[in-house]
């Protein structure tokens, strides 16, 4: 069963709804760094979606990888730290865990949604 190929002229209309998801996921990640006053990572992460303007496959893969790394290296450890702080102070932590799980799921969903819509067929 082969992959269906798409006309590149129609690709932009099919990708349009996916791009805001990716941008929002990167802005959430940038806001996390801004919260701690790390301006250089904030700016770099916030501007990363501009790579889409290159219209290159490597840019999409880099952005997907960036979101995956963001989940594994930023959101997950931060979630565990925040939960530990809440537990240590006796504060409720389940709502925090749910919100952070939603942020991680959203980031992974945005990375998945921006995947290429077509694959080259073998000739």
PDB file of N, CA and C in Angstrom:
ATOM      1  N   UNK A   1       0.847  -1.171   0.000  1.00  0.00           N
ATOM      2  CA  UNK A   1       0.000   0.000   0.000  1.00  0.00           C
ATOM      3  C   UNK A   1       0.893   1.235   0.000  1.00  0.00           C
ATOM      4  N   UNK A   2       0.867   2.007  -1.041  1.00  0.00           N
ATOM      5  CA  UNK A   2       1.731   3.167  -1.188  1.00  0.00           C
ATOM      6  C   UNK A   2       1.121   4.402  -0.549  1.00  0.00           C
ATOM      7  N   UNK A   3       1.956   5.392  -0.388  1.00  0.00           N
ATOM      8  CA  UNK A   3       1.489   6.667   0.145  1.00  0.00           C
ATOM      9  C   UNK A   3       0.906   7.511  -0.967  1.00  0.00           C
ATOM     10  N   UNK A   4      -0.085   8.214  -0.639  1.00  0.00           N
ATOM     11  CA  UNK A   4      -0.695   9.121  -1.589  1.00  0.00           C
ATOM     12  C   UNK A   4       0.185  10.362  -1.670  1.00  0.00           C
ATOM     13  N   UNK A   5       0.424  10.810  -2.867  1.00  0.00           N
ATOM     14  CA  UNK A   5       1.211  12.027  -3.040  1.00  0.00           C
ATOM     15  C   UNK A   5       0.272  13.203  -3.185  1.00  0.00           C
ATOM     16  N   UNK A   6       0.714  14.338  -2.699  1.00  0.00           N
ATOM     17  CA  UNK A   6      -0.106  15.535  -2.735  1.00  0.00           C
ATOM     18  C   UNK A   6       0.522  16.553  -3.661  1.00  0.00           C
ATOM     19  N   UNK A   7      -0.314  17.317  -4.259  1.00  0.00           N
ATOM     20  CA  UNK A   7       0.142  18.416  -5.089  1.00  0.00           C
ATOM     21  C   UNK A   7       0.747  19.475  -4.169  1.00  0.00           C
ATOM     22  N   UNK A   8       2.022  19.869  -4.379  1.00  0.00           N
ATOM     23  CA  UNK A   8       2.634  20.867  -3.497  1.00  0.00           C
ATOM     24  C   UNK A   8       1.857  22.176  -3.426  1.00  0.00           C
ATOM     25  N   UNK A   9       1.095  22.507  -4.457  1.00  0.00           N
ATOM     26  CA  UNK A   9       0.299  23.737  -4.425  1.00  0.00           C
ATOM     27  C   UNK A   9      -0.782  23.654  -3.352  1.00  0.00           C
ATOM     28  N   UNK A  10      -1.281  22.466  -3.062  1.00  0.00           N
ATOM     29  CA  UNK A  10      -2.314  22.292  -2.042  1.00  0.00           C
ATOM     30  C   UNK A  10      -1.730  22.104  -0.649  1.00  0.00           C
ATOM     31  N   UNK A  11      -0.432  21.907  -0.577  1.00  0.00           N
ATOM     32  CA  UNK A  11       0.207  21.628   0.699  1.00  0.00           C
ATOM     33  C   UNK A  11       0.042  22.759   1.691  1.00  0.00           C
ATOM     34  N   UNK A  12       0.155  23.988   1.239  1.00  0.00           N
ATOM     35  CA  UNK A  12       0.059  25.117   2.151  1.00  0.00           C
ATOM     36  C   UNK A  12      -1.297  25.175   2.837  1.00  0.00           C
ATOM     37  N   UNK A  13      -2.366  24.910   2.122  1.00  0.00           N
ATOM     38  CA  UNK A  13      -3.687  24.959   2.753  1.00  0.00           C
ATOM     39  C   UNK A  13      -3.867  23.824   3.754  1.00  0.00           C
ATOM     40  N   UNK A  14      -3.227  22.693   3.503  1.00  0.00           N
ATOM     41  CA  UNK A  14      -3.327  21.576   4.439  1.00  0.00           C
ATOM     42  C   UNK A  14      -2.462  21.789   5.675  1.00  0.00           C
ATOM     43  N   UNK A  15      -1.395  22.555   5.573  1.00  0.00           N
ATOM     44  CA  UNK A  15      -0.499  22.781   6.698  1.00  0.00           C
ATOM     45  C   UNK A  15      -0.932  23.970   7.553  1.00  0.00           C
ATOM     46  N   UNK A  16      -1.807  24.800   7.046  1.00  0.00           N
ATOM     47  CA  UNK A  16      -2.110  26.054   7.722  1.00  0.00           C
ATOM     48  C   UNK A  16      -2.549  25.862   9.172  1.00  0.00           C
ATOM     49  N   UNK A  17      -3.434  24.934   9.452  1.00  0.00           N
ATOM     50  CA  UNK A  17      -3.922  24.759  10.817  1.00  0.00           C
ATOM     51  C   UNK A  17      -2.866  24.185  11.739  1.00  0.00           C
ATOM     52  N   UNK A  18      -1.840  23.559  11.179  1.00  0.00           N
ATOM     53  CA  UNK A  18      -0.812  22.932  11.999  1.00  0.00           C
ATOM     54  C   UNK A  18       0.232  23.923  12.491  1.00  0.00           C
ATOM     55  N   UNK A  19       0.486  24.943  11.711  1.00  0.00           N
ATOM     56  CA  UNK A  19       1.542  25.893  12.045  1.00  0.00           C
ATOM     57  C   UNK A  19       1.239  26.652  13.343  1.00  0.00           C
ATOM     58  N   UNK A  20       0.021  27.144  13.574  1.00  0.00           N
ATOM     59  CA  UNK A  20      -0.242  27.813  14.864  1.00  0.00           C
ATOM     60  C   UNK A  20      -0.016  26.903  16.072  1.00  0.00           C
ATOM     61  N   UNK A  21      -0.287  25.611  15.937  1.00  0.00           N
ATOM     62  CA  UNK A  21      -0.027  24.680  17.041  1.00  0.00           C
ATOM     63  C   UNK A  21       1.462  24.646  17.367  1.00  0.00           C
ATOM     64  N   UNK A  22       2.282  24.555  16.332  1.00  0.00           N
ATOM     65  CA  UNK A  22       3.728  24.522  16.519  1.00  0.00           C
ATOM     66  C   UNK A  22       4.220  25.826  17.147  1.00  0.00           C
ATOM     67  N   UNK A  23       3.732  26.944  16.647  1.00  0.00           N
ATOM     68  CA  UNK A  23       4.151  28.244  17.177  1.00  0.00           C
ATOM     69  C   UNK A  23       3.758  28.368  18.653  1.00  0.00           C
ATOM     70  N   UNK A  24       2.547  27.971  18.989  1.00  0.00           N
ATOM     71  CA  UNK A  24       2.097  28.059  20.375  1.00  0.00           C
ATOM     72  C   UNK A  24       2.933  27.158  21.289  1.00  0.00           C
ATOM     73  N   UNK A  25       3.264  25.963  20.819  1.00  0.00           N
ATOM     74  CA  UNK A  25       4.090  25.058  21.626  1.00  0.00           C
ATOM     75  C   UNK A  25       5.455  25.672  21.896  1.00  0.00           C
ATOM     76  N   UNK A  26       6.034  26.328  20.886  1.00  0.00           N
ATOM     77  CA  UNK A  26       7.327  26.978  21.082  1.00  0.00           C
ATOM     78  C   UNK A  26       7.202  28.204  21.982  1.00  0.00           C
ATOM     79  N   UNK A  27       6.114  28.945  21.873  1.00  0.00           N
ATOM     80  CA  UNK A  27       5.930  30.101  22.748  1.00  0.00           C
ATOM     81  C   UNK A  27       5.738  29.674  24.207  1.00  0.00           C
ATOM     82  N   UNK A  28       5.065  28.555  24.425  1.00  0.00           N
ATOM     83  CA  UNK A  28       4.939  28.025  25.793  1.00  0.00           C
ATOM     84  C   UNK A  28       6.308  27.668  26.361  1.00  0.00           C
ATOM     85  N   UNK A  29       7.125  27.040  25.541  1.00  0.00           N
ATOM     86  CA  UNK A  29       8.466  26.666  25.983  1.00  0.00           C
ATOM     87  C   UNK A  29       9.303  27.922  26.252  1.00  0.00           C
ATOM     88  N   UNK A  30       9.194  28.918  25.384  1.00  0.00           N
ATOM     89  CA  UNK A  30       9.922  30.171  25.586  1.00  0.00           C
ATOM     90  C   UNK A  30       9.452  30.871  26.866  1.00  0.00           C
ATOM     91  N   UNK A  31       8.155  30.842  27.122  1.00  0.00           N
ATOM     92  CA  UNK A  31       7.614  31.474  28.332  1.00  0.00           C
ATOM     93  C   UNK A  31       8.154  30.803  29.588  1.00  0.00           C
ATOM     94  N   UNK A  32       8.378  29.511  29.520  1.00  0.00           N
ATOM     95  CA  UNK A  32       8.953  28.802  30.667  1.00  0.00           C
ATOM     96  C   UNK A  32      10.341  29.354  30.980  1.00  0.00           C
ATOM     97  N   UNK A  33      11.144  29.582  29.948  1.00  0.00           N
ATOM     98  CA  UNK A  33      12.475  30.139  30.166  1.00  0.00           C
ATOM     99  C   UNK A  33      12.398  31.597  30.606  1.00  0.00           C
ATOM    100  N   UNK A  34      11.438  32.336  30.081  1.00  0.00           N
ATOM    101  CA  UNK A  34      11.265  33.730  30.470  1.00  0.00           C
ATOM    102  C   UNK A  34      10.928  33.838  31.951  1.00  0.00           C
ATOM    103  N   UNK A  35      10.194  32.880  32.453  1.00  0.00           N
ATOM    104  CA  UNK A  35       9.804  32.864  33.865  1.00  0.00           C
ATOM    105  C   UNK A  35      11.021  32.873  34.771  1.00  0.00           C
ATOM    106  N   UNK A  36      12.114  32.275  34.302  1.00  0.00           N
ATOM    107  CA  UNK A  36      13.341  32.217  35.092  1.00  0.00           C
ATOM    108  C   UNK A  36      14.352  33.276  34.671  1.00  0.00           C
ATOM    109  N   UNK A  37      13.957  34.183  33.786  1.00  0.00           N
ATOM    110  CA  UNK A  37      14.822  35.279  33.387  1.00  0.00           C
ATOM    111  C   UNK A  37      15.919  34.908  32.406  1.00  0.00           C
ATOM    112  N   UNK A  38      15.819  33.777  31.757  1.00  0.00           N
ATOM    113  CA  UNK A  38      16.828  33.344  30.781  1.00  0.00           C
ATOM    114  C   UNK A  38      16.460  33.920  29.417  1.00  0.00           C
ATOM    115  N   UNK A  39      16.976  35.104  29.130  1.00  0.00           N
ATOM    116  CA  UNK A  39      16.554  35.824  27.929  1.00  0.00           C
ATOM    117  C   UNK A  39      17.062  35.205  26.627  1.00  0.00           C
ATOM    118  N   UNK A  40      18.288  34.723  26.606  1.00  0.00           N
ATOM    119  CA  UNK A  40      18.829  34.167  25.357  1.00  0.00           C
ATOM    120  C   UNK A  40      18.029  32.934  24.920  1.00  0.00           C
ATOM    121  N   UNK A  41      17.827  31.946  25.800  1.00  0.00           N
ATOM    122  CA  UNK A  41      16.994  30.812  25.372  1.00  0.00           C
ATOM    123  C   UNK A  41      15.566  31.231  25.029  1.00  0.00           C
ATOM    124  N   UNK A  42      15.029  32.211  25.751  1.00  0.00           N
ATOM    125  CA  UNK A  42      13.672  32.683  25.468  1.00  0.00           C
ATOM    126  C   UNK A  42      13.564  33.198  24.043  1.00  0.00           C
ATOM    127  N   UNK A  43      14.517  34.033  23.654  1.00  0.00           N
ATOM    128  CA  UNK A  43      14.483  34.612  22.308  1.00  0.00           C
ATOM    129  C   UNK A  43      14.723  33.537  21.248  1.00  0.00           C
ATOM    130  N   UNK A  44      15.716  32.677  21.462  1.00  0.00           N
ATOM    131  CA  UNK A  44      16.025  31.639  20.472  1.00  0.00           C
ATOM    132  C   UNK A  44      14.859  30.676  20.281  1.00  0.00           C
ATOM    133  N   UNK A  45      14.264  30.260  21.383  1.00  0.00           N
ATOM    134  CA  UNK A  45      13.144  29.319  21.299  1.00  0.00           C
ATOM    135  C   UNK A  45      11.913  30.008  20.711  1.00  0.00           C
ATOM    136  N   UNK A  46      11.695  31.254  21.102  1.00  0.00           N
ATOM    137  CA  UNK A  46      10.545  31.988  20.585  1.00  0.00           C
ATOM    138  C   UNK A  46      10.625  32.244  19.091  1.00  0.00           C
ATOM    139  N   UNK A  47      11.837  32.394  18.577  1.00  0.00           N
ATOM    140  CA  UNK A  47      12.019  32.659  17.146  1.00  0.00           C
ATOM    141  C   UNK A  47      12.213  31.386  16.321  1.00  0.00           C
ATOM    142  N   UNK A  48      12.385  30.256  16.964  1.00  0.00           N
ATOM    143  CA  UNK A  48      12.639  28.993  16.250  1.00  0.00           C
ATOM    144  C   UNK A  48      11.598  28.672  15.172  1.00  0.00           C
ATOM    145  N   UNK A  49      10.301  28.916  15.396  1.00  0.00           N
ATOM    146  CA  UNK A  49       9.332  28.604  14.342  1.00  0.00           C
ATOM    147  C   UNK A  49       9.550  29.362  13.033  1.00  0.00           C
ATOM    148  N   UNK A  50      10.352  30.408  13.065  1.00  0.00           N
ATOM    149  CA  UNK A  50      10.659  31.122  11.830  1.00  0.00           C
ATOM    150  C   UNK A  50      11.434  30.235  10.850  1.00  0.00           C
ATOM    151  N   UNK A  51      11.985  29.142  11.339  1.00  0.00           N
ATOM    152  CA  UNK A  51      12.651  28.182  10.446  1.00  0.00           C
ATOM    153  C   UNK A  51      11.687  27.650   9.389  1.00  0.00           C
ATOM    154  N   UNK A  52      10.406  27.671   9.683  1.00  0.00           N
ATOM    155  CA  UNK A  52       9.421  27.202   8.705  1.00  0.00           C
ATOM    156  C   UNK A  52       9.441  28.036   7.431  1.00  0.00           C
ATOM    157  N   UNK A  53       9.911  29.263   7.541  1.00  0.00           N
ATOM    158  CA  UNK A  53       9.965  30.124   6.360  1.00  0.00           C
ATOM    159  C   UNK A  53      10.945  29.612   5.308  1.00  0.00           C
ATOM    160  N   UNK A  54      11.858  28.729   5.709  1.00  0.00           N
ATOM    161  CA  UNK A  54      12.802  28.155   4.737  1.00  0.00           C
ATOM    162  C   UNK A  54      12.115  27.150   3.822  1.00  0.00           C
ATOM    163  N   UNK A  55      10.975  26.627   4.264  1.00  0.00           N
ATOM    164  CA  UNK A  55      10.215  25.618   3.503  1.00  0.00           C
ATOM    165  C   UNK A  55      11.048  24.377   3.191  1.00  0.00           C
ATOM    166  N   UNK A  56      11.935  24.045   4.111  1.00  0.00           N
ATOM    167  CA  UNK A  56      12.803  22.876   3.937  1.00  0.00           C
ATOM    168  C   UNK A  56      12.383  21.780   4.911  1.00  0.00           C
ATOM    169  N   UNK A  57      12.573  20.549   4.475  1.00  0.00           N
ATOM    170  CA  UNK A  57      12.227  19.399   5.319  1.00  0.00           C
ATOM    171  C   UNK A  57      13.063  19.386   6.596  1.00  0.00           C
ATOM    172  N   UNK A  58      14.342  19.774   6.500  1.00  0.00           N
ATOM    173  CA  UNK A  58      15.207  19.754   7.682  1.00  0.00           C
ATOM    174  C   UNK A  58      14.675  20.693   8.762  1.00  0.00           C
ATOM    175  N   UNK A  59      14.048  21.802   8.355  1.00  0.00           N
ATOM    176  CA  UNK A  59      13.516  22.755   9.325  1.00  0.00           C
ATOM    177  C   UNK A  59      12.366  22.126  10.115  1.00  0.00           C
ATOM    178  N   UNK A  60      11.499  21.412   9.409  1.00  0.00           N
ATOM    179  CA  UNK A  60      10.386  20.735  10.084  1.00  0.00           C
ATOM    180  C   UNK A  60      10.921  19.677  11.046  1.00  0.00           C
ATOM    181  N   UNK A  61      11.893  18.906  10.592  1.00  0.00           N
ATOM    182  CA  UNK A  61      12.475  17.873  11.457  1.00  0.00           C
ATOM    183  C   UNK A  61      13.170  18.490  12.669  1.00  0.00           C
ATOM    184  N   UNK A  62      13.869  19.611  12.454  1.00  0.00           N
ATOM    185  CA  UNK A  62      14.537  20.289  13.566  1.00  0.00           C
ATOM    186  C   UNK A  62      13.515  20.801  14.579  1.00  0.00           C
ATOM    187  N   UNK A  63      12.416  21.353  14.094  1.00  0.00           N
ATOM    188  CA  UNK A  63      11.382  21.859  15.001  1.00  0.00           C
ATOM    189  C   UNK A  63      10.690  20.727  15.749  1.00  0.00           C
ATOM    190  N   UNK A  64      10.460  19.617  15.064  1.00  0.00           N
ATOM    191  CA  UNK A  64       9.891  18.448  15.747  1.00  0.00           C
ATOM    192  C   UNK A  64      10.842  17.964  16.834  1.00  0.00           C
ATOM    193  N   UNK A  65      12.110  17.858  16.478  1.00  0.00           N
ATOM    194  CA  UNK A  65      13.111  17.426  17.453  1.00  0.00           C
ATOM    195  C   UNK A  65      13.210  18.383  18.619  1.00  0.00           C
ATOM    196  N   UNK A  66      13.112  19.681  18.335  1.00  0.00           N
ATOM    197  CA  UNK A  66      13.157  20.672  19.404  1.00  0.00           C
ATOM    198  C   UNK A  66      12.022  20.508  20.396  1.00  0.00           C
ATOM    199  N   UNK A  67      10.845  20.215  19.889  1.00  0.00           N
ATOM    200  CA  UNK A  67       9.710  20.008  20.804  1.00  0.00           C
ATOM    201  C   UNK A  67       9.874  18.719  21.602  1.00  0.00           C
ATOM    202  N   UNK A  68      10.374  17.685  20.970  1.00  0.00           N
ATOM    203  CA  UNK A  68      10.609  16.430  21.694  1.00  0.00           C
ATOM    204  C   UNK A  68      11.651  16.640  22.789  1.00  0.00           C
ATOM    205  N   UNK A  69      12.733  17.323  22.443  1.00  0.00           N
ATOM    206  CA  UNK A  69      13.756  17.628  23.452  1.00  0.00           C
ATOM    207  C   UNK A  69      13.171  18.510  24.544  1.00  0.00           C
ATOM    208  N   UNK A  70      12.329  19.469  24.154  1.00  0.00           N
ATOM    209  CA  UNK A  70      11.691  20.334  25.141  1.00  0.00           C
ATOM    210  C   UNK A  70      10.858  19.557  26.148  1.00  0.00           C
ATOM    211  N   UNK A  71      10.140  18.564  25.662  1.00  0.00           N
ATOM    212  CA  UNK A  71       9.332  17.744  26.574  1.00  0.00           C
ATOM    213  C   UNK A  71      10.228  16.930  27.499  1.00  0.00           C
ATOM    214  N   UNK A  72      11.232  16.275  26.928  1.00  0.00           N
ATOM    215  CA  UNK A  72      12.071  15.375  27.725  1.00  0.00           C
ATOM    216  C   UNK A  72      13.066  16.105  28.625  1.00  0.00           C
ATOM    217  N   UNK A  73      13.594  17.240  28.152  1.00  0.00           N
ATOM    218  CA  UNK A  73      14.648  17.921  28.904  1.00  0.00           C
ATOM    219  C   UNK A  73      14.160  19.121  29.709  1.00  0.00           C
ATOM    220  N   UNK A  74      12.957  19.616  29.404  1.00  0.00           N
ATOM    221  CA  UNK A  74      12.466  20.796  30.120  1.00  0.00           C
ATOM    222  C   UNK A  74      11.172  20.494  30.859  1.00  0.00           C
ATOM    223  N   UNK A  75      10.129  20.114  30.118  1.00  0.00           N
ATOM    224  CA  UNK A  75       8.822  19.948  30.755  1.00  0.00           C
ATOM    225  C   UNK A  75       8.783  18.806  31.763  1.00  0.00           C
ATOM    226  N   UNK A  76       9.326  17.656  31.407  1.00  0.00           N
ATOM    227  CA  UNK A  76       9.271  16.514  32.327  1.00  0.00           C
ATOM    228  C   UNK A  76      10.067  16.767  33.609  1.00  0.00           C
ATOM    229  N   UNK A  77      11.343  17.191  33.521  1.00  0.00           N
ATOM    230  CA  UNK A  77      12.061  17.474  34.777  1.00  0.00           C
ATOM    231  C   UNK A  77      11.424  18.611  35.583  1.00  0.00           C
ATOM    232  N   UNK A  78      10.927  19.634  34.894  1.00  0.00           N
ATOM    233  CA  UNK A  78      10.271  20.733  35.615  1.00  0.00           C
ATOM    234  C   UNK A  78       9.028  20.234  36.340  1.00  0.00           C
ATOM    235  N   UNK A  79       8.275  19.391  35.664  1.00  0.00           N
ATOM    236  CA  UNK A  79       7.073  18.828  36.289  1.00  0.00           C
ATOM    237  C   UNK A  79       7.433  18.065  37.554  1.00  0.00           C
ATOM    238  N   UNK A  80       8.435  17.219  37.451  1.00  0.00           N
ATOM    239  CA  UNK A  80       8.845  16.434  38.619  1.00  0.00           C
ATOM    240  C   UNK A  80       9.346  17.335  39.742  1.00  0.00           C
ATOM    241  N   UNK A  81      10.103  18.378  39.401  1.00  0.00           N
ATOM    242  CA  UNK A  81      10.582  19.325  40.423  1.00  0.00           C
ATOM    243  C   UNK A  81       9.427  20.069  41.079  1.00  0.00           C
ATOM    244  N   UNK A  82       8.499  20.547  40.255  1.00  0.00           N
ATOM    245  CA  UNK A  82       7.360  21.286  40.800  1.00  0.00           C
ATOM    246  C   UNK A  82       6.517  20.401  41.714  1.00  0.00           C
ATOM    247  N   UNK A  83       6.305  19.152  41.311  1.00  0.00           N
ATOM    248  CA  UNK A  83       5.529  18.224  42.142  1.00  0.00           C
ATOM    249  C   UNK A  83       6.248  17.985  43.460  1.00  0.00           C
ATOM    250  N   UNK A  84       7.564  17.805  43.398  1.00  0.00           N
ATOM    251  CA  UNK A  84       8.344  17.580  44.614  1.00  0.00           C
ATOM    252  C   UNK A  84       8.257  18.788  45.557  1.00  0.00           C
ATOM    253  N   UNK A  85       8.325  19.993  44.989  1.00  0.00           N
ATOM    254  CA  UNK A  85       8.199  21.199  45.817  1.00  0.00           C
ATOM    255  C   UNK A  85       6.814  21.283  46.454  1.00  0.00           C
ATOM    256  N   UNK A  86       5.791  20.955  45.676  1.00  0.00           N
ATOM    257  CA  UNK A  86       4.428  21.000  46.224  1.00  0.00           C
ATOM    258  C   UNK A  86       4.255  19.979  47.339  1.00  0.00           C
ATOM    259  N   UNK A  87       4.767  18.768  47.116  1.00  0.00           N
ATOM    260  CA  UNK A  87       4.654  17.731  48.151  1.00  0.00           C
ATOM    261  C   UNK A  87       5.403  18.132  49.417  1.00  0.00           C
ATOM    262  N   UNK A  88       6.596  18.701  49.242  1.00  0.00           N
ATOM    263  CA  UNK A  88       7.407  19.089  50.402  1.00  0.00           C
ATOM    264  C   UNK A  88       6.727  20.175  51.227  1.00  0.00           C
ATOM    265  N   UNK A  89       5.990  21.042  50.566  1.00  0.00           N
ATOM    266  CA  UNK A  89       5.308  22.118  51.306  1.00  0.00           C
ATOM    267  C   UNK A  89       3.908  21.709  51.751  1.00  0.00           C
ATOM    268  N   UNK A  90       3.503  20.502  51.395  1.00  0.00           N
ATOM    269  CA  UNK A  90       2.179  20.028  51.792  1.00  0.00           C
ATOM    270  C   UNK A  90       1.055  20.589  50.932  1.00  0.00           C
ATOM    271  N   UNK A  91       1.392  21.208  49.831  1.00  0.00           N
ATOM    272  CA  UNK A  91       0.391  21.797  48.941  1.00  0.00           C
ATOM    273  C   UNK A  91      -0.146  20.720  47.990  1.00  0.00           C
ATOM    274  N   UNK A  92      -1.358  20.904  47.482  1.00  0.00           N
ATOM    275  CA  UNK A  92      -1.896  19.943  46.519  1.00  0.00           C
ATOM    276  C   UNK A  92      -1.070  19.978  45.220  1.00  0.00           C
ATOM    277  N   UNK A  93      -0.906  18.817  44.617  1.00  0.00           N
ATOM    278  CA  UNK A  93      -0.048  18.739  43.433  1.00  0.00           C
ATOM    279  C   UNK A  93      -0.709  18.057  42.245  1.00  0.00           C
ATOM    280  N   UNK A  94      -1.847  17.429  42.421  1.00  0.00           N
ATOM    281  CA  UNK A  94      -2.489  16.702  41.323  1.00  0.00           C
ATOM    282  C   UNK A  94      -2.918  17.616  40.182  1.00  0.00           C
ATOM    283  N   UNK A  95      -3.454  18.771  40.494  1.00  0.00           N
ATOM    284  CA  UNK A  95      -3.860  19.703  39.443  1.00  0.00           C
ATOM    285  C   UNK A  95      -2.640  20.169  38.647  1.00  0.00           C
ATOM    286  N   UNK A  96      -1.547  20.457  39.346  1.00  0.00           N
ATOM    287  CA  UNK A  96      -0.300  20.831  38.687  1.00  0.00           C
ATOM    288  C   UNK A  96       0.157  19.724  37.743  1.00  0.00           C
ATOM    289  N   UNK A  97       0.109  18.489  38.217  1.00  0.00           N
ATOM    290  CA  UNK A  97       0.533  17.355  37.386  1.00  0.00           C
ATOM    291  C   UNK A  97      -0.357  17.234  36.149  1.00  0.00           C
ATOM    292  N   UNK A  98      -1.651  17.449  36.318  1.00  0.00           N
ATOM    293  CA  UNK A  98      -2.564  17.382  35.176  1.00  0.00           C
ATOM    294  C   UNK A  98      -2.301  18.470  34.157  1.00  0.00           C
ATOM    295  N   UNK A  99      -2.055  19.683  34.636  1.00  0.00           N
ATOM    296  CA  UNK A  99      -1.778  20.797  33.729  1.00  0.00           C
ATOM    297  C   UNK A  99      -0.473  20.550  32.973  1.00  0.00           C
ATOM    298  N   UNK A 100       0.546  20.136  33.690  1.00  0.00           N
ATOM    299  CA  UNK A 100       1.838  19.885  33.044  1.00  0.00           C
ATOM    300  C   UNK A 100       1.754  18.704  32.078  1.00  0.00           C
ATOM    301  N   UNK A 101       0.967  17.704  32.406  1.00  0.00           N
ATOM    302  CA  UNK A 101       0.765  16.587  31.469  1.00  0.00           C
ATOM    303  C   UNK A 101       0.083  17.096  30.205  1.00  0.00           C
ATOM    304  N   UNK A 102      -0.859  18.014  30.375  1.00  0.00           N
ATOM    305  CA  UNK A 102      -1.516  18.615  29.215  1.00  0.00           C
ATOM    306  C   UNK A 102      -0.553  19.422  28.359  1.00  0.00           C
ATOM    307  N   UNK A 103       0.356  20.151  28.995  1.00  0.00           N
ATOM    308  CA  UNK A 103       1.360  20.925  28.259  1.00  0.00           C
ATOM    309  C   UNK A 103       2.276  19.983  27.478  1.00  0.00           C
ATOM    310  N   UNK A 104       2.694  18.910  28.125  1.00  0.00           N
ATOM    311  CA  UNK A 104       3.562  17.941  27.439  1.00  0.00           C
ATOM    312  C   UNK A 104       2.829  17.264  26.288  1.00  0.00           C
ATOM    313  N   UNK A 105       1.583  16.895  26.511  1.00  0.00           N
ATOM    314  CA  UNK A 105       0.794  16.261  25.447  1.00  0.00           C
ATOM    315  C   UNK A 105       0.571  17.233  24.287  1.00  0.00           C
ATOM    316  N   UNK A 106       0.317  18.497  24.598  1.00  0.00           N
ATOM    317  CA  UNK A 106       0.134  19.492  23.556  1.00  0.00           C
ATOM    318  C   UNK A 106       1.412  19.653  22.730  1.00  0.00           C
ATOM    319  N   UNK A 107       2.548  19.722  23.403  1.00  0.00           N
ATOM    320  CA  UNK A 107       3.824  19.866  22.696  1.00  0.00           C
ATOM    321  C   UNK A 107       4.098  18.663  21.796  1.00  0.00           C
ATOM    322  N   UNK A 108       3.862  17.477  22.307  1.00  0.00           N
ATOM    323  CA  UNK A 108       4.064  16.279  21.487  1.00  0.00           C
ATOM    324  C   UNK A 108       3.063  16.230  20.343  1.00  0.00           C
ATOM    325  N   UNK A 109       1.838  16.656  20.606  1.00  0.00           N
ATOM    326  CA  UNK A 109       0.832  16.696  19.544  1.00  0.00           C
ATOM    327  C   UNK A 109       1.185  17.689  18.455  1.00  0.00           C
ATOM    328  N   UNK A 110       1.735  18.828  18.841  1.00  0.00           N
ATOM    329  CA  UNK A 110       2.158  19.823  17.852  1.00  0.00           C
ATOM    330  C   UNK A 110       3.308  19.282  17.019  1.00  0.00           C
ATOM    331  N   UNK A 111       4.234  18.575  17.648  1.00  0.00           N
ATOM    332  CA  UNK A 111       5.352  17.979  16.905  1.00  0.00           C
ATOM    333  C   UNK A 111       4.834  16.932  15.927  1.00  0.00           C
ATOM    334  N   UNK A 112       3.866  16.148  16.345  1.00  0.00           N
ATOM    335  CA  UNK A 112       3.302  15.122  15.464  1.00  0.00           C
ATOM    336  C   UNK A 112       2.505  15.766  14.329  1.00  0.00           C
ATOM    337  N   UNK A 113       1.757  16.815  14.631  1.00  0.00           N
ATOM    338  CA  UNK A 113       0.885  17.427  13.630  1.00  0.00           C
ATOM    339  C   UNK A 113       1.662  18.074  12.490  1.00  0.00           C
ATOM    340  N   UNK A 114       2.872  18.515  12.750  1.00  0.00           N
ATOM    341  CA  UNK A 114       3.628  19.221  11.726  1.00  0.00           C
ATOM    342  C   UNK A 114       4.414  18.244  10.846  1.00  0.00           C
ATOM    343  N   UNK A 115       4.234  16.967  11.072  1.00  0.00           N
ATOM    344  CA  UNK A 115       4.948  15.961  10.280  1.00  0.00           C
ATOM    345  C   UNK A 115       4.681  16.167   8.790  1.00  0.00           C
ATOM    346  N   UNK A 116       5.589  15.732   7.967  1.00  0.00           N
ATOM    347  CA  UNK A 116       5.348  15.865   6.517  1.00  0.00           C
ATOM    348  C   UNK A 116       4.090  15.107   6.100  1.00  0.00           C
ATOM    349  N   UNK A 117       3.351  15.694   5.193  1.00  0.00           N
ATOM    350  CA  UNK A 117       2.096  15.073   4.755  1.00  0.00           C
ATOM    351  C   UNK A 117       2.299  14.073   3.650  1.00  0.00           C
ATOM    352  N   UNK A 118       3.437  14.064   3.049  1.00  0.00           N
ATOM    353  CA  UNK A 118       3.672  13.140   1.962  1.00  0.00           C
ATOM    354  C   UNK A 118       5.068  12.564   2.076  1.00  0.00           C
ATOM    355  N   UNK A 119       5.260  11.423   1.484  1.00  0.00           N
ATOM    356  CA  UNK A 119       6.561  10.795   1.440  1.00  0.00           C
ATOM    357  C   UNK A 119       6.873  10.484  -0.015  1.00  0.00           C
ATOM    358  N   UNK A 120       8.108  10.619  -0.390  1.00  0.00           N
ATOM    359  CA  UNK A 120       8.435  10.320  -1.792  1.00  0.00           C
ATOM    360  C   UNK A 120       8.172   8.858  -2.093  1.00  0.00           C
ATOM    361  N   UNK A 121       7.642   8.610  -3.258  1.00  0.00           N
ATOM    362  CA  UNK A 121       7.370   7.237  -3.675  1.00  0.00           C
ATOM    363  C   UNK A 121       8.586   6.688  -4.392  1.00  0.00           C
ATOM    364  N   UNK A 122       8.832   5.408  -4.229  1.00  0.00           N
ATOM    365  CA  UNK A 122       9.949   4.773  -4.909  1.00  0.00           C
ATOM    366  C   UNK A 122       9.618   4.649  -6.401  1.00  0.00           C
ATOM    367  N   UNK A 123      10.576   4.978  -7.223  1.00  0.00           N
ATOM    368  CA  UNK A 123      10.308   4.890  -8.678  1.00  0.00           C
ATOM    369  C   UNK A 123      11.049   3.748  -9.314  1.00  0.00           C
TER     370      UNK A 123
END
